[in-house]
N, C-alpha and C. Protein backbone atom coordinates (compact mmCIF):
# COMPACT_ATOMS: atom_id res chain seq x y z
N MET A 1 23.22 57.70 -26.22
CA MET A 1 22.21 56.85 -25.51
C MET A 1 22.99 56.07 -24.42
N GLY A 2 22.33 56.24 -23.14
CA GLY A 2 23.00 55.81 -21.97
C GLY A 2 22.87 54.17 -22.09
N TYR A 3 23.48 53.59 -20.99
CA TYR A 3 23.56 52.02 -20.80
C TYR A 3 22.08 51.46 -20.80
N ALA A 4 21.20 52.10 -19.92
CA ALA A 4 19.95 51.70 -19.75
C ALA A 4 19.01 51.63 -21.13
N SER A 5 19.30 52.85 -21.80
CA SER A 5 18.41 52.93 -23.05
C SER A 5 18.92 51.92 -24.01
N ARG A 6 20.15 51.80 -24.15
CA ARG A 6 20.77 50.65 -25.03
C ARG A 6 20.24 49.24 -24.73
N ARG A 7 20.23 48.95 -23.30
CA ARG A 7 19.92 47.67 -22.83
C ARG A 7 18.45 47.47 -22.97
N GLU A 8 17.54 48.39 -22.91
CA GLU A 8 16.20 48.42 -23.08
C GLU A 8 15.83 48.09 -24.62
N SER A 9 16.60 48.67 -25.47
CA SER A 9 16.37 48.51 -26.99
C SER A 9 16.78 46.95 -27.24
N SER A 10 17.88 46.55 -26.64
CA SER A 10 18.34 45.23 -26.77
C SER A 10 17.21 44.24 -26.29
N LEU A 11 16.75 44.40 -25.17
CA LEU A 11 15.65 43.48 -24.72
C LEU A 11 14.36 43.50 -25.52
N ILE A 12 13.97 44.69 -26.13
CA ILE A 12 12.87 44.68 -27.05
C ILE A 12 13.08 43.87 -28.28
N LEU A 13 14.22 43.91 -28.82
CA LEU A 13 14.78 43.15 -29.97
C LEU A 13 14.63 41.63 -29.53
N GLU A 14 15.32 41.29 -28.46
CA GLU A 14 15.36 39.89 -28.06
C GLU A 14 13.98 39.47 -27.83
N ALA A 15 13.11 40.24 -27.34
CA ALA A 15 11.70 39.56 -27.03
C ALA A 15 11.02 38.96 -27.96
N LYS A 16 11.43 39.42 -29.29
CA LYS A 16 10.84 38.83 -30.53
C LYS A 16 11.32 37.28 -30.83
N VAL A 17 12.34 37.01 -30.16
CA VAL A 17 12.85 35.68 -30.35
C VAL A 17 12.16 34.85 -29.03
N THR A 18 11.62 33.75 -29.45
CA THR A 18 10.97 32.88 -28.64
C THR A 18 11.89 31.77 -27.99
N ALA A 19 11.99 31.67 -26.72
CA ALA A 19 12.68 30.63 -26.08
C ALA A 19 12.11 29.22 -26.15
N LEU A 20 12.84 28.21 -26.16
CA LEU A 20 12.32 26.91 -26.24
C LEU A 20 11.89 26.34 -24.78
N ASN A 21 10.89 25.83 -24.74
CA ASN A 21 10.30 25.34 -23.33
C ASN A 21 10.57 23.90 -23.12
N ASN A 22 10.45 23.44 -21.91
CA ASN A 22 10.56 21.99 -21.64
C ASN A 22 9.38 21.29 -22.37
N GLY A 23 9.72 20.30 -23.21
CA GLY A 23 8.52 19.59 -23.86
C GLY A 23 8.49 19.90 -25.45
N ASP A 24 9.08 21.08 -25.75
CA ASP A 24 9.08 21.63 -27.15
C ASP A 24 10.01 20.66 -27.95
N ALA A 25 9.66 20.43 -29.29
CA ALA A 25 10.58 19.72 -30.18
C ALA A 25 11.71 20.75 -30.50
N PHE A 26 12.94 20.22 -30.47
CA PHE A 26 14.07 21.02 -30.81
C PHE A 26 13.92 21.30 -32.30
N PRO A 27 14.32 22.53 -32.86
CA PRO A 27 14.11 22.71 -34.26
C PRO A 27 15.16 21.86 -35.03
N ASP A 28 14.77 21.77 -36.34
CA ASP A 28 15.68 21.10 -37.22
C ASP A 28 16.85 22.02 -37.73
N ILE A 29 18.01 21.74 -37.47
CA ILE A 29 19.18 22.50 -37.71
C ILE A 29 20.33 21.67 -38.34
N THR A 30 20.95 22.08 -39.31
CA THR A 30 22.02 21.19 -40.02
C THR A 30 23.36 22.01 -39.76
N LEU A 31 24.25 21.37 -39.22
CA LEU A 31 25.51 22.07 -38.88
C LEU A 31 26.83 21.45 -39.71
N ASP A 32 27.44 22.24 -40.25
CA ASP A 32 28.86 21.86 -40.87
C ASP A 32 29.70 21.48 -39.68
N ILE A 33 30.37 20.48 -39.64
CA ILE A 33 31.11 20.11 -38.46
C ILE A 33 32.71 20.07 -38.85
N VAL A 34 33.49 20.22 -37.89
CA VAL A 34 34.87 20.11 -37.90
C VAL A 34 35.25 18.81 -38.39
N GLY A 35 36.19 18.72 -39.30
CA GLY A 35 36.55 17.38 -39.77
C GLY A 35 35.66 16.86 -40.97
N GLY A 36 34.86 17.66 -41.39
CA GLY A 36 33.91 17.31 -42.56
C GLY A 36 32.60 16.69 -42.36
N GLY A 37 31.73 16.80 -43.15
CA GLY A 37 30.34 16.29 -42.98
C GLY A 37 29.52 17.23 -42.22
N THR A 38 28.21 16.84 -41.94
CA THR A 38 27.24 17.64 -41.34
C THR A 38 26.56 16.63 -40.05
N VAL A 39 25.81 17.43 -39.37
CA VAL A 39 25.25 16.88 -38.18
C VAL A 39 23.69 17.65 -38.26
N SER A 40 22.74 16.77 -38.54
CA SER A 40 21.25 17.32 -38.39
C SER A 40 20.78 17.10 -37.00
N LEU A 41 20.41 18.17 -36.48
CA LEU A 41 19.92 18.13 -35.18
C LEU A 41 18.30 18.31 -35.30
N PRO A 42 17.48 17.59 -34.58
CA PRO A 42 17.85 16.61 -33.63
C PRO A 42 17.83 15.11 -34.16
N ALA A 43 17.58 15.17 -35.53
CA ALA A 43 17.63 13.78 -36.12
C ALA A 43 18.70 12.87 -35.78
N ASP A 44 20.01 13.40 -36.02
CA ASP A 44 21.11 12.55 -35.76
C ASP A 44 21.33 12.27 -34.28
N LEU A 45 20.59 12.72 -33.52
CA LEU A 45 20.68 12.48 -31.89
C LEU A 45 19.55 11.52 -31.39
N ALA A 46 18.73 11.11 -32.45
CA ALA A 46 17.47 10.55 -32.07
C ALA A 46 17.87 9.10 -31.19
N GLY A 47 17.07 8.81 -30.39
CA GLY A 47 17.15 7.70 -29.60
C GLY A 47 18.12 7.70 -28.43
N SER A 48 18.71 8.87 -28.31
CA SER A 48 19.60 9.17 -27.07
C SER A 48 19.32 10.46 -26.42
N TYR A 49 19.55 10.54 -25.23
CA TYR A 49 19.63 11.90 -24.68
C TYR A 49 20.89 12.74 -25.32
N ALA A 50 20.75 14.01 -25.41
CA ALA A 50 21.61 14.68 -25.99
C ALA A 50 21.86 16.12 -25.42
N ALA A 51 23.01 16.56 -25.28
CA ALA A 51 23.33 17.94 -24.85
C ALA A 51 23.91 18.71 -26.15
N VAL A 52 23.03 19.93 -26.49
CA VAL A 52 23.37 20.69 -27.41
C VAL A 52 23.93 21.99 -26.80
N LEU A 53 25.21 22.31 -27.09
CA LEU A 53 25.90 23.35 -26.51
C LEU A 53 26.22 24.50 -27.52
N ILE A 54 25.48 25.64 -27.34
CA ILE A 54 25.91 26.73 -28.08
C ILE A 54 26.85 27.53 -27.32
N TYR A 55 28.06 27.72 -27.91
CA TYR A 55 29.12 28.57 -27.10
C TYR A 55 29.50 29.75 -27.81
N ARG A 56 30.09 30.72 -27.14
CA ARG A 56 30.29 32.15 -27.58
C ARG A 56 31.23 32.14 -28.75
N GLY A 57 32.41 31.35 -28.47
CA GLY A 57 33.41 31.35 -29.26
C GLY A 57 34.70 30.88 -28.72
N SER A 58 35.71 30.36 -29.45
CA SER A 58 36.95 29.88 -28.75
C SER A 58 37.64 30.87 -28.00
N TRP A 59 37.32 32.13 -28.12
CA TRP A 59 38.08 33.15 -27.22
C TRP A 59 37.49 33.27 -25.73
N CYS A 60 36.28 32.51 -25.64
CA CYS A 60 35.65 32.82 -24.42
C CYS A 60 36.26 31.69 -23.31
N PRO A 61 37.03 32.07 -22.28
CA PRO A 61 37.48 31.15 -21.32
C PRO A 61 36.41 30.29 -20.60
N TYR A 62 35.14 30.89 -20.37
CA TYR A 62 34.07 30.09 -19.74
C TYR A 62 33.64 29.09 -20.71
N CYS A 63 33.64 29.25 -21.98
CA CYS A 63 33.00 28.36 -22.99
C CYS A 63 34.26 27.22 -23.12
N ASN A 64 35.50 27.53 -23.11
CA ASN A 64 36.61 26.63 -23.17
C ASN A 64 36.29 25.62 -21.98
N ALA A 65 36.23 26.27 -20.68
CA ALA A 65 35.98 25.35 -19.59
C ALA A 65 34.81 24.40 -19.59
N GLN A 66 33.66 24.95 -20.17
CA GLN A 66 32.44 24.13 -20.40
C GLN A 66 32.91 22.85 -21.33
N LEU A 67 33.38 23.20 -22.56
CA LEU A 67 33.56 22.40 -23.38
C LEU A 67 34.66 21.23 -22.92
N ALA A 68 35.70 21.78 -22.33
CA ALA A 68 36.77 20.68 -21.62
C ALA A 68 35.87 19.86 -20.65
N GLY A 69 35.10 20.46 -19.82
CA GLY A 69 34.35 19.61 -18.89
C GLY A 69 33.64 18.47 -19.46
N PHE A 70 32.84 18.82 -20.73
CA PHE A 70 32.17 17.72 -21.30
C PHE A 70 33.21 16.60 -22.02
N SER A 71 34.11 17.23 -22.51
CA SER A 71 35.28 16.33 -22.95
C SER A 71 35.85 15.20 -21.81
N ARG A 72 36.08 15.87 -20.69
CA ARG A 72 36.58 15.04 -19.59
C ARG A 72 35.47 14.12 -19.12
N ALA A 73 34.25 14.45 -19.30
CA ALA A 73 33.23 13.46 -18.79
C ALA A 73 32.67 12.44 -19.92
N ARG A 74 33.46 12.46 -21.02
CA ARG A 74 33.06 11.67 -22.19
C ARG A 74 32.65 10.11 -21.73
N ASP A 75 33.42 9.39 -20.84
CA ASP A 75 33.20 8.13 -20.56
C ASP A 75 31.88 8.00 -19.81
N THR A 76 31.65 8.89 -18.79
CA THR A 76 30.39 9.07 -18.02
C THR A 76 29.21 9.18 -18.95
N LEU A 77 29.28 9.99 -19.74
CA LEU A 77 28.16 10.53 -20.71
C LEU A 77 27.77 9.42 -21.64
N ALA A 78 29.03 8.85 -22.22
CA ALA A 78 28.86 7.58 -23.15
C ALA A 78 28.05 6.40 -22.40
N GLU A 79 28.55 6.16 -20.99
CA GLU A 79 27.89 5.08 -20.20
C GLU A 79 26.29 5.31 -20.13
N LEU A 80 26.09 6.75 -20.00
CA LEU A 80 24.63 6.80 -19.87
C LEU A 80 23.95 7.08 -21.18
N GLY A 81 24.56 7.07 -22.33
CA GLY A 81 24.09 7.14 -23.58
C GLY A 81 23.68 8.47 -24.04
N ILE A 82 24.52 9.50 -23.60
CA ILE A 82 24.25 10.92 -23.81
C ILE A 82 25.17 11.35 -24.87
N LYS A 83 24.70 11.91 -25.98
CA LYS A 83 25.51 12.35 -27.10
C LYS A 83 25.72 14.00 -26.86
N VAL A 84 26.67 14.42 -27.32
CA VAL A 84 27.10 15.85 -27.15
C VAL A 84 27.33 16.59 -28.66
N VAL A 85 26.84 17.65 -28.85
CA VAL A 85 27.08 18.54 -29.95
C VAL A 85 27.38 19.89 -29.49
N ALA A 86 28.33 20.58 -30.09
CA ALA A 86 28.65 21.98 -29.64
C ALA A 86 28.54 22.87 -31.11
N LEU A 87 28.19 24.03 -30.99
CA LEU A 87 28.23 24.93 -32.19
C LEU A 87 28.40 26.27 -31.73
N SER A 88 29.16 27.15 -32.80
CA SER A 88 29.37 28.58 -32.60
C SER A 88 29.44 29.23 -34.03
N VAL A 89 29.65 30.51 -33.88
CA VAL A 89 29.83 31.29 -35.27
C VAL A 89 31.18 31.27 -35.64
N ASP A 90 32.16 30.61 -34.83
CA ASP A 90 33.51 30.63 -35.27
C ASP A 90 33.74 29.94 -36.83
N ASP A 91 34.75 30.50 -37.38
CA ASP A 91 35.02 29.72 -38.70
C ASP A 91 35.75 28.24 -38.50
N GLU A 92 35.90 27.70 -39.55
CA GLU A 92 36.28 26.31 -39.37
C GLU A 92 37.73 26.20 -38.95
N PRO A 93 38.61 26.97 -39.45
CA PRO A 93 40.11 26.99 -38.92
C PRO A 93 40.08 27.24 -37.31
N THR A 94 39.46 28.14 -36.79
CA THR A 94 39.24 28.56 -35.42
C THR A 94 38.69 27.46 -34.66
N SER A 95 37.54 26.79 -35.28
CA SER A 95 36.94 25.68 -34.55
C SER A 95 37.71 24.52 -34.55
N ALA A 96 38.48 24.24 -35.62
CA ALA A 96 39.31 23.02 -35.56
C ALA A 96 40.45 23.14 -34.65
N ALA A 97 41.08 24.34 -34.56
CA ALA A 97 42.10 24.64 -33.52
C ALA A 97 41.55 24.42 -32.04
N LEU A 98 40.34 24.77 -31.77
CA LEU A 98 39.60 24.62 -30.41
C LEU A 98 39.66 23.13 -30.28
N VAL A 99 39.05 22.39 -31.24
CA VAL A 99 38.87 20.89 -31.10
C VAL A 99 40.23 20.22 -30.79
N ASP A 100 41.18 20.64 -31.42
CA ASP A 100 42.59 20.02 -31.26
C ASP A 100 43.03 20.38 -29.83
N LYS A 101 43.03 21.61 -29.38
CA LYS A 101 43.43 22.21 -28.11
C LYS A 101 42.68 21.51 -26.99
N LEU A 102 41.42 21.33 -27.08
CA LEU A 102 40.62 20.61 -25.98
C LEU A 102 40.37 19.22 -26.19
N ARG A 103 40.98 18.57 -27.26
CA ARG A 103 40.93 17.26 -27.53
C ARG A 103 39.42 16.82 -27.66
N LEU A 104 38.47 17.55 -28.26
CA LEU A 104 37.13 17.22 -28.26
C LEU A 104 36.72 16.18 -29.21
N GLU A 105 35.95 15.24 -28.85
CA GLU A 105 35.60 14.09 -29.63
C GLU A 105 34.23 14.12 -29.98
N PHE A 106 33.40 14.97 -29.55
CA PHE A 106 32.10 15.12 -30.16
C PHE A 106 32.05 16.25 -31.17
N PRO A 107 30.90 16.05 -32.04
CA PRO A 107 30.77 17.03 -33.16
C PRO A 107 30.82 18.45 -32.68
N VAL A 108 31.61 19.32 -33.45
CA VAL A 108 31.75 20.78 -33.19
C VAL A 108 31.35 21.35 -34.55
N GLY A 109 30.12 22.04 -34.47
CA GLY A 109 29.59 22.73 -35.71
C GLY A 109 30.37 24.24 -35.72
N TYR A 110 30.49 24.56 -36.91
CA TYR A 110 31.14 26.11 -37.12
C TYR A 110 30.48 26.81 -38.05
N GLY A 111 30.68 28.17 -38.05
CA GLY A 111 30.21 29.08 -38.98
C GLY A 111 28.76 29.30 -38.99
N VAL A 112 27.89 28.98 -37.98
CA VAL A 112 26.50 29.16 -37.81
C VAL A 112 26.07 30.60 -37.98
N ASP A 113 24.93 30.65 -38.47
CA ASP A 113 24.31 32.07 -38.75
C ASP A 113 23.75 32.50 -37.32
N ALA A 114 24.34 33.45 -36.49
CA ALA A 114 23.83 33.83 -35.25
C ALA A 114 22.27 34.14 -35.35
N GLU A 115 21.83 34.90 -36.18
CA GLU A 115 20.42 35.40 -36.19
C GLU A 115 19.52 34.24 -36.47
N ALA A 116 19.88 33.23 -37.48
CA ALA A 116 18.98 32.22 -37.72
C ALA A 116 18.99 31.12 -36.45
N ILE A 117 20.10 30.89 -35.82
CA ILE A 117 20.10 29.91 -34.63
C ILE A 117 19.37 30.69 -33.43
N ALA A 118 19.35 31.98 -33.27
CA ALA A 118 18.64 32.71 -32.29
C ALA A 118 17.07 32.60 -32.54
N GLN A 119 16.87 32.72 -33.83
CA GLN A 119 15.33 32.70 -34.14
C GLN A 119 14.97 31.36 -33.94
N ALA A 120 15.72 30.25 -34.15
CA ALA A 120 15.16 28.96 -33.92
C ALA A 120 15.32 28.49 -32.45
N THR A 121 16.12 29.04 -31.67
CA THR A 121 16.24 28.37 -30.46
C THR A 121 15.89 29.32 -29.34
N GLY A 122 16.00 30.65 -29.65
CA GLY A 122 15.84 31.61 -28.55
C GLY A 122 17.00 32.01 -27.95
N ALA A 123 18.14 31.75 -28.42
CA ALA A 123 19.46 31.86 -27.91
C ALA A 123 19.55 33.54 -27.97
N TYR A 124 20.34 34.19 -26.98
CA TYR A 124 20.62 35.57 -26.97
C TYR A 124 21.77 35.72 -27.92
N THR A 125 21.89 36.90 -28.59
CA THR A 125 23.03 37.38 -29.25
C THR A 125 23.76 38.44 -28.83
N ASN A 126 24.97 38.62 -29.30
CA ASN A 126 25.78 39.78 -29.03
C ASN A 126 25.77 40.64 -30.37
N ASP A 127 25.72 41.81 -30.34
CA ASP A 127 25.63 42.47 -31.57
C ASP A 127 26.89 42.95 -32.43
N ASP A 128 27.87 43.42 -31.64
CA ASP A 128 29.21 43.81 -32.24
C ASP A 128 30.27 43.39 -31.37
N PRO A 129 31.09 42.39 -31.67
CA PRO A 129 30.90 41.62 -32.79
C PRO A 129 29.65 40.42 -32.68
N LYS A 130 29.18 40.04 -33.73
CA LYS A 130 28.18 39.23 -33.71
C LYS A 130 28.34 37.78 -33.38
N TYR A 131 27.88 37.19 -32.28
CA TYR A 131 28.04 35.95 -31.93
C TYR A 131 26.77 35.59 -31.00
N LEU A 132 26.70 34.25 -30.72
CA LEU A 132 25.59 33.76 -29.86
C LEU A 132 26.04 33.64 -28.40
N GLN A 133 25.32 33.98 -27.58
CA GLN A 133 25.55 33.91 -26.05
C GLN A 133 25.35 32.33 -25.73
N THR A 134 26.13 32.01 -24.83
CA THR A 134 25.95 30.58 -24.20
C THR A 134 24.41 30.04 -24.05
N THR A 135 24.14 28.98 -24.66
CA THR A 135 22.83 28.42 -24.38
C THR A 135 23.08 26.87 -24.50
N GLY A 136 22.45 26.26 -23.69
CA GLY A 136 22.49 24.84 -23.61
C GLY A 136 20.97 24.03 -23.49
N PHE A 137 21.07 22.97 -24.29
CA PHE A 137 19.65 22.18 -24.29
C PHE A 137 20.17 20.77 -23.80
N LEU A 138 19.27 20.13 -23.03
CA LEU A 138 19.22 18.73 -22.84
C LEU A 138 18.04 18.20 -23.63
N LEU A 139 18.28 17.38 -24.32
CA LEU A 139 17.16 16.77 -25.29
C LEU A 139 16.86 15.36 -24.92
N ASP A 140 15.65 14.88 -24.89
CA ASP A 140 15.24 13.56 -24.62
C ASP A 140 15.47 12.72 -25.97
N PRO A 141 15.40 11.30 -25.82
CA PRO A 141 15.60 10.57 -27.02
C PRO A 141 14.63 10.89 -28.25
N ALA A 142 13.49 11.53 -27.93
CA ALA A 142 12.67 11.94 -28.97
C ALA A 142 12.74 13.21 -29.66
N GLY A 143 14.03 13.88 -29.06
CA GLY A 143 14.32 15.18 -29.55
C GLY A 143 13.61 16.40 -28.97
N ARG A 144 12.88 16.10 -27.88
CA ARG A 144 12.28 17.26 -27.23
C ARG A 144 13.26 17.87 -26.06
N VAL A 145 13.05 19.12 -25.87
CA VAL A 145 13.79 19.80 -24.78
C VAL A 145 13.30 19.36 -23.47
N VAL A 146 14.16 18.81 -22.72
CA VAL A 146 14.07 18.40 -21.41
C VAL A 146 14.28 19.58 -20.35
N THR A 147 15.42 20.47 -20.70
CA THR A 147 15.77 21.62 -19.92
C THR A 147 16.64 22.34 -20.93
N ALA A 148 16.35 23.80 -20.73
CA ALA A 148 17.25 24.79 -21.51
C ALA A 148 17.85 25.85 -20.47
N VAL A 149 19.13 26.11 -20.88
CA VAL A 149 19.94 27.09 -20.08
C VAL A 149 20.19 28.31 -20.96
N TYR A 150 19.65 29.27 -20.70
CA TYR A 150 19.81 30.53 -21.55
C TYR A 150 20.75 31.51 -20.82
N SER A 151 21.79 32.11 -21.42
CA SER A 151 22.55 33.05 -20.80
C SER A 151 22.69 34.35 -21.49
N SER A 152 22.58 35.23 -20.93
CA SER A 152 22.52 36.61 -21.59
C SER A 152 23.93 37.35 -21.59
N GLY A 153 24.86 36.52 -21.06
CA GLY A 153 26.39 37.11 -20.98
C GLY A 153 27.29 35.76 -20.74
N GLY A 154 28.44 36.15 -20.30
CA GLY A 154 29.54 35.22 -20.27
C GLY A 154 29.32 34.05 -19.31
N ILE A 155 28.53 34.15 -18.39
CA ILE A 155 28.43 33.05 -17.27
C ILE A 155 26.94 32.37 -17.40
N GLY A 156 26.85 31.16 -16.90
CA GLY A 156 25.59 30.45 -16.87
C GLY A 156 25.57 29.46 -17.98
N ARG A 157 25.59 28.23 -17.78
CA ARG A 157 25.68 27.19 -18.77
C ARG A 157 25.52 25.85 -18.31
N LEU A 158 25.18 24.85 -18.99
CA LEU A 158 25.03 23.58 -18.80
C LEU A 158 26.46 22.85 -18.44
N VAL A 159 26.41 22.10 -17.35
CA VAL A 159 27.73 21.46 -16.84
C VAL A 159 27.43 20.06 -16.92
N ALA A 160 28.53 19.45 -17.40
CA ALA A 160 28.49 17.88 -17.76
C ALA A 160 28.07 17.19 -16.63
N ASP A 161 28.41 17.25 -15.28
CA ASP A 161 28.18 16.58 -14.11
C ASP A 161 26.58 16.68 -14.06
N ASP A 162 26.08 17.75 -14.06
CA ASP A 162 24.64 18.06 -13.89
C ASP A 162 23.87 17.41 -15.03
N VAL A 163 24.32 17.39 -16.20
CA VAL A 163 23.64 16.67 -17.28
C VAL A 163 23.62 15.05 -17.05
N ALA A 164 24.67 14.64 -16.60
CA ALA A 164 24.98 13.21 -16.23
C ALA A 164 23.76 12.94 -15.04
N GLY A 165 23.89 13.69 -14.02
CA GLY A 165 23.16 13.44 -12.90
C GLY A 165 21.69 13.44 -13.33
N PHE A 166 21.03 14.49 -14.08
CA PHE A 166 19.80 14.60 -14.42
C PHE A 166 19.43 13.55 -15.20
N VAL A 167 20.23 13.04 -16.30
CA VAL A 167 19.71 11.96 -16.99
C VAL A 167 19.73 10.69 -16.20
N ARG A 168 20.48 10.52 -15.25
CA ARG A 168 20.38 9.34 -14.27
C ARG A 168 19.05 9.40 -13.52
N TYR A 169 18.77 10.54 -13.02
CA TYR A 169 17.43 10.86 -12.46
C TYR A 169 16.24 10.43 -13.36
N LEU A 170 16.36 11.04 -14.61
CA LEU A 170 15.17 10.63 -15.55
C LEU A 170 15.10 9.30 -15.87
N LYS A 171 16.22 8.70 -16.13
CA LYS A 171 16.24 7.13 -16.41
C LYS A 171 15.74 6.36 -15.33
N SER A 172 16.04 6.59 -14.04
CA SER A 172 15.52 5.89 -13.00
C SER A 172 13.98 6.11 -12.74
N HIS A 173 13.41 7.31 -13.17
CA HIS A 173 11.98 7.37 -13.06
C HIS A 173 11.22 6.95 -14.14
N GLU A 174 11.89 6.72 -15.43
CA GLU A 174 11.42 5.93 -16.54
C GLU A 174 11.18 4.39 -16.08
N GLN A 175 12.22 3.91 -15.43
CA GLN A 175 12.06 2.46 -14.99
C GLN A 175 11.01 2.41 -13.95
N VAL A 176 10.69 3.27 -13.15
CA VAL A 176 9.75 3.25 -12.18
C VAL A 176 8.42 3.29 -12.71
N SER A 177 8.38 4.22 -13.90
CA SER A 177 6.97 4.33 -14.55
C SER A 177 6.59 2.99 -15.27
N SER A 178 7.79 2.50 -15.86
CA SER A 178 7.50 1.17 -16.75
C SER A 178 7.16 0.12 -15.92
N ALA A 179 7.78 0.00 -14.82
CA ALA A 179 7.34 -1.11 -13.86
C ALA A 179 6.04 -1.06 -13.32
N ALA A 180 5.59 0.25 -13.11
CA ALA A 180 4.11 0.57 -12.72
C ALA A 180 2.99 0.23 -13.67
N ASP A 181 3.34 0.18 -14.86
CA ASP A 181 2.48 0.12 -16.09
C ASP A 181 1.86 -1.29 -16.28
């Protein structure tokens, strides 16, 4: 089977997964997180804007750069009231090593079921080995999708500076709307 035929088969399979659109409620997902405990999405993020980052794995240099960027932006994100959660199929030891290496202070979920997350969020998956392609969501304080970034390969993802800038924009327009009411 040639590349085009394999790719077409992959697209047909992926077409059964529905992407989340702006305004959609983010699905209920419970994550085991590095360091113990769980995070329930979107419930544990309620009342805040939030970035949900699905990354390919600790082996991905682009994912490492994205996560490190969100880590470096932690003060700006905190000032704006933006929470961050990341997740991947990596096991706990691999995820813990990544958290330590990048000094991540936000919750990092591990060992997620790629198919279940893809069905819930519309994220693309890789077949062999099985992992999720990079996908990012910005959620509003009510847990609705404000914007979604779906990548079918190694590049294309949410960037911390863009998230901060967009939330600033949204908040400034909320204040204008409130003043007009």
